[in-house]
PDB file of all heavy atoms in Angstrom:
ATOM      1  N   VAL A   1      10.094  17.737  20.349  1.00  0.00           N
ATOM      2  CA  VAL A   1       9.586  17.048  19.162  1.00  0.00           C
ATOM      3  C   VAL A   1       8.120  16.673  19.352  1.00  0.00           C
ATOM      4  O   VAL A   1       7.297  16.841  18.444  1.00  0.00           O
ATOM      5  CB  VAL A   1      10.434  15.793  18.860  1.00  0.00           C
ATOM      6  CG1 VAL A   1       9.783  14.954  17.761  1.00  0.00           C
ATOM      7  CG2 VAL A   1      11.847  16.194  18.439  1.00  0.00           C
ATOM      8  N   ALA A   2       7.803  16.166  20.536  1.00  0.00           N
ATOM      9  CA  ALA A   2       6.412  15.798  20.813  1.00  0.00           C
ATOM     10  C   ALA A   2       5.500  17.015  20.741  1.00  0.00           C
ATOM     11  O   ALA A   2       4.397  16.952  20.175  1.00  0.00           O
ATOM     12  CB  ALA A   2       6.314  15.145  22.193  1.00  0.00           C
ATOM     13  N   ARG A   3       5.965  18.132  21.266  1.00  0.00           N
ATOM     14  CA  ARG A   3       5.162  19.355  21.240  1.00  0.00           C
ATOM     15  C   ARG A   3       4.981  19.859  19.814  1.00  0.00           C
ATOM     16  O   ARG A   3       3.882  20.292  19.440  1.00  0.00           O
ATOM     17  CB  ARG A   3       5.841  20.430  22.104  1.00  0.00           C
ATOM     18  CG  ARG A   3       5.060  21.738  22.205  1.00  0.00           C
ATOM     19  CD  ARG A   3       3.684  21.527  22.766  1.00  0.00           C
ATOM     20  NE  ARG A   3       2.949  22.768  22.870  1.00  0.00           N
ATOM     21  CZ  ARG A   3       1.620  22.855  22.746  1.00  0.00           C
ATOM     22  NH1 ARG A   3       0.897  21.753  22.542  1.00  0.00           N
ATOM     23  NH2 ARG A   3       1.016  24.024  22.849  1.00  0.00           N
ATOM     24  N   ALA A   4       6.040  19.783  19.021  1.00  0.00           N
ATOM     25  CA  ALA A   4       5.934  20.196  17.615  1.00  0.00           C
ATOM     26  C   ALA A   4       4.927  19.316  16.878  1.00  0.00           C
ATOM     27  O   ALA A   4       4.162  19.797  16.034  1.00  0.00           O
ATOM     28  CB  ALA A   4       7.299  20.117  16.943  1.00  0.00           C
ATOM     29  N   GLY A   5       4.897  18.026  17.227  1.00  0.00           N
ATOM     30  CA  GLY A   5       3.924  17.132  16.627  1.00  0.00           C
ATOM     31  C   GLY A   5       2.505  17.491  17.032  1.00  0.00           C
ATOM     32  O   GLY A   5       1.584  17.471  16.213  1.00  0.00           O
ATOM     33  N   GLU A   6       2.313  17.833  18.310  1.00  0.00           N
ATOM     34  CA  GLU A   6       0.990  18.235  18.797  1.00  0.00           C
ATOM     35  C   GLU A   6       0.496  19.488  18.082  1.00  0.00           C
ATOM     36  O   GLU A   6      -0.707  19.664  17.874  1.00  0.00           O
ATOM     37  CB  GLU A   6       1.049  18.495  20.298  1.00  0.00           C
ATOM     38  CG  GLU A   6       1.288  17.239  21.137  1.00  0.00           C
ATOM     39  CD  GLU A   6       1.543  17.580  22.592  1.00  0.00           C
ATOM     40  OE1 GLU A   6       1.587  18.788  22.920  1.00  0.00           O
ATOM     41  OE2 GLU A   6       1.695  16.640  23.404  1.00  0.00           O
ATOM     42  N   LEU A   7       1.428  20.340  17.700  1.00  0.00           N
ATOM     43  CA  LEU A   7       1.073  21.575  17.005  1.00  0.00           C
ATOM     44  C   LEU A   7       0.843  21.368  15.510  1.00  0.00           C
ATOM     45  O   LEU A   7       0.562  22.312  14.780  1.00  0.00           O
ATOM     46  CB  LEU A   7       2.181  22.615  17.206  1.00  0.00           C
ATOM     47  CG  LEU A   7       2.380  23.111  18.643  1.00  0.00           C
ATOM     48  CD1 LEU A   7       3.622  23.990  18.743  1.00  0.00           C
ATOM     49  CD2 LEU A   7       1.146  23.892  19.113  1.00  0.00           C
ATOM     50  N   GLY A   8       0.985  20.120  15.059  1.00  0.00           N
ATOM     51  CA  GLY A   8       0.749  19.803  13.654  1.00  0.00           C
ATOM     52  C   GLY A   8       1.881  20.203  12.732  1.00  0.00           C
ATOM     53  O   GLY A   8       1.675  20.369  11.524  1.00  0.00           O
ATOM     54  N   LEU A   9       3.081  20.328  13.283  1.00  0.00           N
ATOM     55  CA  LEU A   9       4.211  20.793  12.489  1.00  0.00           C
ATOM     56  C   LEU A   9       5.075  19.644  11.959  1.00  0.00           C
ATOM     57  O   LEU A   9       6.032  19.892  11.220  1.00  0.00           O
ATOM     58  CB  LEU A   9       5.081  21.732  13.333  1.00  0.00           C
ATOM     59  CG  LEU A   9       4.373  22.980  13.856  1.00  0.00           C
ATOM     60  CD1 LEU A   9       5.306  23.790  14.749  1.00  0.00           C
ATOM     61  CD2 LEU A   9       3.876  23.839  12.694  1.00  0.00           C
ATOM     62  N   LEU A  10       4.736  18.416  12.333  1.00  0.00           N
ATOM     63  CA  LEU A  10       5.507  17.254  11.889  1.00  0.00           C
ATOM     64  C   LEU A  10       4.579  16.228  11.250  1.00  0.00           C
ATOM     65  O   LEU A  10       3.530  15.906  11.804  1.00  0.00           O
ATOM     66  CB  LEU A  10       6.250  16.613  13.058  1.00  0.00           C
ATOM     67  CG  LEU A  10       7.331  17.454  13.741  1.00  0.00           C
ATOM     68  CD1 LEU A  10       7.839  16.736  14.985  1.00  0.00           C
ATOM     69  CD2 LEU A  10       8.470  17.749  12.789  1.00  0.00           C
ATOM     70  N   ASP A  11       4.972  15.748  10.078  1.00  0.00           N
ATOM     71  CA  ASP A  11       4.208  14.708   9.378  1.00  0.00           C
ATOM     72  C   ASP A  11       5.220  13.858   8.621  1.00  0.00           C
ATOM     73  O   ASP A  11       5.620  14.193   7.509  1.00  0.00           O
ATOM     74  CB  ASP A  11       3.199  15.342   8.413  1.00  0.00           C
ATOM     75  CG  ASP A  11       2.287  14.307   7.753  1.00  0.00           C
ATOM     76  OD1 ASP A  11       2.696  13.134   7.665  1.00  0.00           O
ATOM     77  OD2 ASP A  11       1.184  14.688   7.310  1.00  0.00           O
ATOM     78  N   ASP A  12       5.647  12.767   9.246  1.00  0.00           N
ATOM     79  CA  ASP A  12       6.713  11.957   8.663  1.00  0.00           C
ATOM     80  C   ASP A  12       6.344  11.376   7.304  1.00  0.00           C
ATOM     81  O   ASP A  12       7.185  11.288   6.410  1.00  0.00           O
ATOM     82  CB  ASP A  12       7.102  10.837   9.619  1.00  0.00           C
ATOM     83  CG  ASP A  12       8.070  11.299  10.690  1.00  0.00           C
ATOM     84  OD1 ASP A  12       8.303  12.521  10.793  1.00  0.00           O
ATOM     85  OD2 ASP A  12       8.593  10.444  11.435  1.00  0.00           O
ATOM     86  N   ALA A  13       5.101  10.949   7.151  1.00  0.00           N
ATOM     87  CA  ALA A  13       4.690  10.341   5.885  1.00  0.00           C
ATOM     88  C   ALA A  13       4.752  11.365   4.746  1.00  0.00           C
ATOM     89  O   ALA A  13       5.264  11.080   3.654  1.00  0.00           O
ATOM     90  CB  ALA A  13       3.285   9.768   6.007  1.00  0.00           C
ATOM     91  N   ALA A  14       4.237  12.565   5.006  1.00  0.00           N
ATOM     92  CA  ALA A  14       4.273  13.612   3.984  1.00  0.00           C
ATOM     93  C   ALA A  14       5.710  14.042   3.698  1.00  0.00           C
ATOM     94  O   ALA A  14       6.080  14.277   2.545  1.00  0.00           O
ATOM     95  CB  ALA A  14       3.439  14.804   4.440  1.00  0.00           C
ATOM     96  N   PHE A  15       6.507  14.147   4.761  1.00  0.00           N
ATOM     97  CA  PHE A  15       7.916  14.510   4.578  1.00  0.00           C
ATOM     98  C   PHE A  15       8.616  13.469   3.721  1.00  0.00           C
ATOM     99  O   PHE A  15       9.388  13.807   2.812  1.00  0.00           O
ATOM    100  CB  PHE A  15       8.606  14.607   5.937  1.00  0.00           C
ATOM    101  CG  PHE A  15      10.097  14.839   5.847  1.00  0.00           C
ATOM    102  CD1 PHE A  15      10.601  16.125   5.781  1.00  0.00           C
ATOM    103  CD2 PHE A  15      10.983  13.768   5.808  1.00  0.00           C
ATOM    104  CE1 PHE A  15      11.979  16.344   5.689  1.00  0.00           C
ATOM    105  CE2 PHE A  15      12.350  13.979   5.717  1.00  0.00           C
ATOM    106  CZ  PHE A  15      12.848  15.265   5.648  1.00  0.00           C
ATOM    107  N   ALA A  16       8.369  12.196   3.991  1.00  0.00           N
ATOM    108  CA  ALA A  16       9.012  11.115   3.243  1.00  0.00           C
ATOM    109  C   ALA A  16       8.630  11.170   1.771  1.00  0.00           C
ATOM    110  O   ALA A  16       9.482  10.979   0.890  1.00  0.00           O
ATOM    111  CB  ALA A  16       8.630   9.765   3.838  1.00  0.00           C
ATOM    112  N   ARG A  17       7.372  11.446   1.475  1.00  0.00           N
ATOM    113  CA  ARG A  17       6.935  11.522   0.071  1.00  0.00           C
ATOM    114  C   ARG A  17       7.630  12.667  -0.663  1.00  0.00           C
ATOM    115  O   ARG A  17       8.109  12.502  -1.790  1.00  0.00           O
ATOM    116  CB  ARG A  17       5.412  11.693   0.001  1.00  0.00           C
ATOM    117  CG  ARG A  17       4.629  10.454   0.396  1.00  0.00           C
ATOM    118  CD  ARG A  17       3.163  10.592   0.015  1.00  0.00           C
ATOM    119  NE  ARG A  17       2.508  11.683   0.715  1.00  0.00           N
ATOM    120  CZ  ARG A  17       1.905  11.559   1.898  1.00  0.00           C
ATOM    121  NH1 ARG A  17       1.903  10.390   2.509  1.00  0.00           N
ATOM    122  NH2 ARG A  17       1.306  12.587   2.469  1.00  0.00           N
ATOM    123  N   ARG A  18       7.693  13.825  -0.018  1.00  0.00           N
ATOM    124  CA  ARG A  18       8.346  14.982  -0.660  1.00  0.00           C
ATOM    125  C   ARG A  18       9.840  14.736  -0.834  1.00  0.00           C
ATOM    126  O   ARG A  18      10.410  15.033  -1.893  1.00  0.00           O
ATOM    127  CB  ARG A  18       8.116  16.244   0.174  1.00  0.00           C
ATOM    128  CG  ARG A  18       6.684  16.753   0.149  1.00  0.00           C
ATOM    129  CD  ARG A  18       6.593  18.144   0.757  1.00  0.00           C
ATOM    130  NE  ARG A  18       6.924  18.138   2.180  1.00  0.00           N
ATOM    131  CZ  ARG A  18       6.032  17.941   3.152  1.00  0.00           C
ATOM    132  NH1 ARG A  18       4.768  17.705   2.866  1.00  0.00           N
ATOM    133  NH2 ARG A  18       6.404  17.978   4.420  1.00  0.00           N
ATOM    134  N   ARG A  19      10.470  14.196   0.197  1.00  0.00           N
ATOM    135  CA  ARG A  19      11.908  13.952   0.134  1.00  0.00           C
ATOM    136  C   ARG A  19      12.243  12.908  -0.931  1.00  0.00           C
ATOM    137  O   ARG A  19      13.197  13.076  -1.702  1.00  0.00           O
ATOM    138  CB  ARG A  19      12.394  13.480   1.508  1.00  0.00           C
ATOM    139  CG  ARG A  19      13.873  13.145   1.582  1.00  0.00           C
ATOM    140  CD  ARG A  19      14.734  14.387   1.488  1.00  0.00           C
ATOM    141  NE  ARG A  19      16.142  14.047   1.591  1.00  0.00           N
ATOM    142  CZ  ARG A  19      17.131  14.928   1.441  1.00  0.00           C
ATOM    143  NH1 ARG A  19      16.848  16.190   1.183  1.00  0.00           N
ATOM    144  NH2 ARG A  19      18.384  14.550   1.540  1.00  0.00           N
ATOM    145  N   ALA A  20      11.464  11.855  -0.988  1.00  0.00           N
ATOM    146  CA  ALA A  20      11.710  10.797  -1.970  1.00  0.00           C
ATOM    147  C   ALA A  20      11.551  11.318  -3.395  1.00  0.00           C
ATOM    148  O   ALA A  20      12.357  11.001  -4.282  1.00  0.00           O
ATOM    149  CB  ALA A  20      10.761   9.627  -1.714  1.00  0.00           C
ATOM    150  N   ALA A  21      10.512  12.110  -3.625  1.00  0.00           N
ATOM    151  CA  ALA A  21      10.294  12.665  -4.967  1.00  0.00           C
ATOM    152  C   ALA A  21      11.437  13.587  -5.371  1.00  0.00           C
ATOM    153  O   ALA A  21      11.881  13.591  -6.523  1.00  0.00           O
ATOM    154  CB  ALA A  21       8.962  13.413  -5.001  1.00  0.00           C
ATOM    155  N   GLU A  22      11.922  14.360  -4.404  1.00  0.00           N
ATOM    156  CA  GLU A  22      13.053  15.262  -4.676  1.00  0.00           C
ATOM    157  C   GLU A  22      14.301  14.466  -5.043  1.00  0.00           C
ATOM    158  O   GLU A  22      15.022  14.817  -5.987  1.00  0.00           O
ATOM    159  CB  GLU A  22      13.329  16.122  -3.438  1.00  0.00           C
ATOM    160  CG  GLU A  22      14.541  17.032  -3.563  1.00  0.00           C
ATOM    161  CD  GLU A  22      14.890  17.734  -2.274  1.00  0.00           C
ATOM    162  OE1 GLU A  22      14.138  17.594  -1.293  1.00  0.00           O
ATOM    163  OE2 GLU A  22      15.930  18.423  -2.236  1.00  0.00           O
ATOM    164  N   LEU A  23      14.559  13.390  -4.314  1.00  0.00           N
ATOM    165  CA  LEU A  23      15.743  12.571  -4.584  1.00  0.00           C
ATOM    166  C   LEU A  23      15.631  11.848  -5.920  1.00  0.00           C
ATOM    167  O   LEU A  23      16.636  11.661  -6.625  1.00  0.00           O
ATOM    168  CB  LEU A  23      15.953  11.570  -3.452  1.00  0.00           C
ATOM    169  CG  LEU A  23      16.328  12.186  -2.098  1.00  0.00           C
ATOM    170  CD1 LEU A  23      16.346  11.118  -1.011  1.00  0.00           C
ATOM    171  CD2 LEU A  23      17.676  12.884  -2.169  1.00  0.00           C
ATOM    172  N   LEU A  24      14.432  11.445  -6.280  1.00  0.00           N
ATOM    173  CA  LEU A  24      14.235  10.810  -7.585  1.00  0.00           C
ATOM    174  C   LEU A  24      14.555  11.798  -8.709  1.00  0.00           C
ATOM    175  O   LEU A  24      15.189  11.428  -9.707  1.00  0.00           O
ATOM    176  CB  LEU A  24      12.801  10.300  -7.715  1.00  0.00           C
ATOM    177  CG  LEU A  24      12.468   9.597  -9.028  1.00  0.00           C
ATOM    178  CD1 LEU A  24      13.329   8.348  -9.216  1.00  0.00           C
ATOM    179  CD2 LEU A  24      10.990   9.222  -9.080  1.00  0.00           C
ATOM    180  N   ARG A  25      14.133  13.048  -8.531  1.00  0.00           N
ATOM    181  CA  ARG A  25      14.453  14.078  -9.539  1.00  0.00           C
ATOM    182  C   ARG A  25      15.967  14.285  -9.641  1.00  0.00           C
ATOM    183  O   ARG A  25      16.474  14.684 -10.690  1.00  0.00           O
ATOM    184  CB  ARG A  25      13.766  15.401  -9.195  1.00  0.00           C
ATOM    185  CG  ARG A  25      12.245  15.377  -9.370  1.00  0.00           C
ATOM    186  CD  ARG A  25      11.660  16.770  -9.332  1.00  0.00           C
ATOM    187  NE  ARG A  25      11.840  17.405  -8.046  1.00  0.00           N
ATOM    188  CZ  ARG A  25      10.985  17.288  -7.032  1.00  0.00           C
ATOM    189  NH1 ARG A  25       9.893  16.555  -7.169  1.00  0.00           N
ATOM    190  NH2 ARG A  25      11.206  17.907  -5.888  1.00  0.00           N
ATOM    191  N   LYS A  26      16.674  14.023  -8.550  1.00  0.00           N
ATOM    192  CA  LYS A  26      18.133  14.165  -8.550  1.00  0.00           C
ATOM    193  C   LYS A  26      18.830  12.885  -9.019  1.00  0.00           C
ATOM    194  O   LYS A  26      20.032  12.745  -8.871  1.00  0.00           O
ATOM    195  CB  LYS A  26      18.617  14.532  -7.143  1.00  0.00           C
ATOM    196  CG  LYS A  26      18.185  15.927  -6.704  1.00  0.00           C
ATOM    197  CD  LYS A  26      18.708  16.250  -5.304  1.00  0.00           C
ATOM    198  CE  LYS A  26      18.328  17.666  -4.901  1.00  0.00           C
ATOM    199  NZ  LYS A  26      18.808  18.004  -3.529  1.00  0.00           N
ATOM    200  N   ARG A  27      18.048  11.972  -9.561  1.00  0.00           N
ATOM    201  CA  ARG A  27      18.560  10.721 -10.142  1.00  0.00           C
ATOM    202  C   ARG A  27      19.203   9.797  -9.102  1.00  0.00           C
ATOM    203  O   ARG A  27      20.231   9.183  -9.360  1.00  0.00           O
ATOM    204  CB  ARG A  27      19.530  11.012 -11.289  1.00  0.00           C
ATOM    205  CG  ARG A  27      18.904  11.833 -12.400  1.00  0.00           C
ATOM    206  CD  ARG A  27      19.858  12.011 -13.572  1.00  0.00           C
ATOM    207  NE  ARG A  27      19.237  12.811 -14.608  1.00  0.00           N
ATOM    208  CZ  ARG A  27      19.267  14.144 -14.647  1.00  0.00           C
ATOM    209  NH1 ARG A  27      19.922  14.806 -13.705  1.00  0.00           N
ATOM    210  NH2 ARG A  27      18.677  14.814 -15.612  1.00  0.00           N
ATOM    211  N   LYS A  28      18.589   9.735  -7.931  1.00  0.00           N
ATOM    212  CA  LYS A  28      19.046   8.798  -6.923  1.00  0.00           C
ATOM    213  C   LYS A  28      18.376   7.439  -7.148  1.00  0.00           C
ATOM    214  O   LYS A  28      17.239   7.357  -7.626  1.00  0.00           O
ATOM    215  CB  LYS A  28      18.722   9.303  -5.518  1.00  0.00           C
ATOM    216  CG  LYS A  28      19.373  10.637  -5.183  1.00  0.00           C
ATOM    217  CD  LYS A  28      20.881  10.560  -5.189  1.00  0.00           C
ATOM    218  CE  LYS A  28      21.516  11.875  -4.775  1.00  0.00           C
ATOM    219  NZ  LYS A  28      22.991  11.820  -4.801  1.00  0.00           N
ATOM    220  N   SER A  29      19.060   6.384  -6.783  1.00  0.00           N
ATOM    221  CA  SER A  29      18.509   5.044  -6.937  1.00  0.00           C
ATOM    222  C   SER A  29      17.500   4.745  -5.835  1.00  0.00           C
ATOM    223  O   SER A  29      17.418   5.456  -4.828  1.00  0.00           O
ATOM    224  CB  SER A  29      19.632   4.002  -6.898  1.00  0.00           C
ATOM    225  OG  SER A  29      20.184   3.926  -5.587  1.00  0.00           O
ATOM    226  N   ARG A  30      16.770   3.667  -6.033  1.00  0.00           N
ATOM    227  CA  ARG A  30      15.804   3.224  -5.024  1.00  0.00           C
ATOM    228  C   ARG A  30      16.498   3.018  -3.670  1.00  0.00           C
ATOM    229  O   ARG A  30      16.002   3.450  -2.635  1.00  0.00           O
ATOM    230  CB  ARG A  30      15.158   1.920  -5.493  1.00  0.00           C
ATOM    231  CG  ARG A  30      14.138   1.330  -4.545  1.00  0.00           C
ATOM    232  CD  ARG A  30      13.804  -0.098  -4.961  1.00  0.00           C
ATOM    233  NE  ARG A  30      13.167  -0.125  -6.265  1.00  0.00           N
ATOM    234  CZ  ARG A  30      11.872  -0.390  -6.459  1.00  0.00           C
ATOM    235  NH1 ARG A  30      11.092  -0.654  -5.428  1.00  0.00           N
ATOM    236  NH2 ARG A  30      11.358  -0.421  -7.669  1.00  0.00           N
ATOM    237  N   ARG A  31      17.641   2.333  -3.684  1.00  0.00           N
ATOM    238  CA  ARG A  31      18.352   2.064  -2.440  1.00  0.00           C
ATOM    239  C   ARG A  31      18.854   3.349  -1.787  1.00  0.00           C
ATOM    240  O   ARG A  31      18.784   3.505  -0.564  1.00  0.00           O
ATOM    241  CB  ARG A  31      19.539   1.124  -2.693  1.00  0.00           C
ATOM    242  CG  ARG A  31      20.174   0.592  -1.411  1.00  0.00           C
ATOM    243  CD  ARG A  31      21.277  -0.391  -1.717  1.00  0.00           C
ATOM    244  NE  ARG A  31      22.483   0.287  -2.192  1.00  0.00           N
ATOM    245  CZ  ARG A  31      23.547  -0.347  -2.664  1.00  0.00           C
ATOM    246  NH1 ARG A  31      23.537  -1.659  -2.780  1.00  0.00           N
ATOM    247  NH2 ARG A  31      24.607   0.326  -3.058  1.00  0.00           N
TER     248      ARG A  31
END
């Protein structure tokens, strides 16, 4: 995981934004 991060393949903040937007489109609640 650390090596993947060093290679620029992991970005938790960007992943969270994309995942949250996808779940909102699927009519998921805030919680």
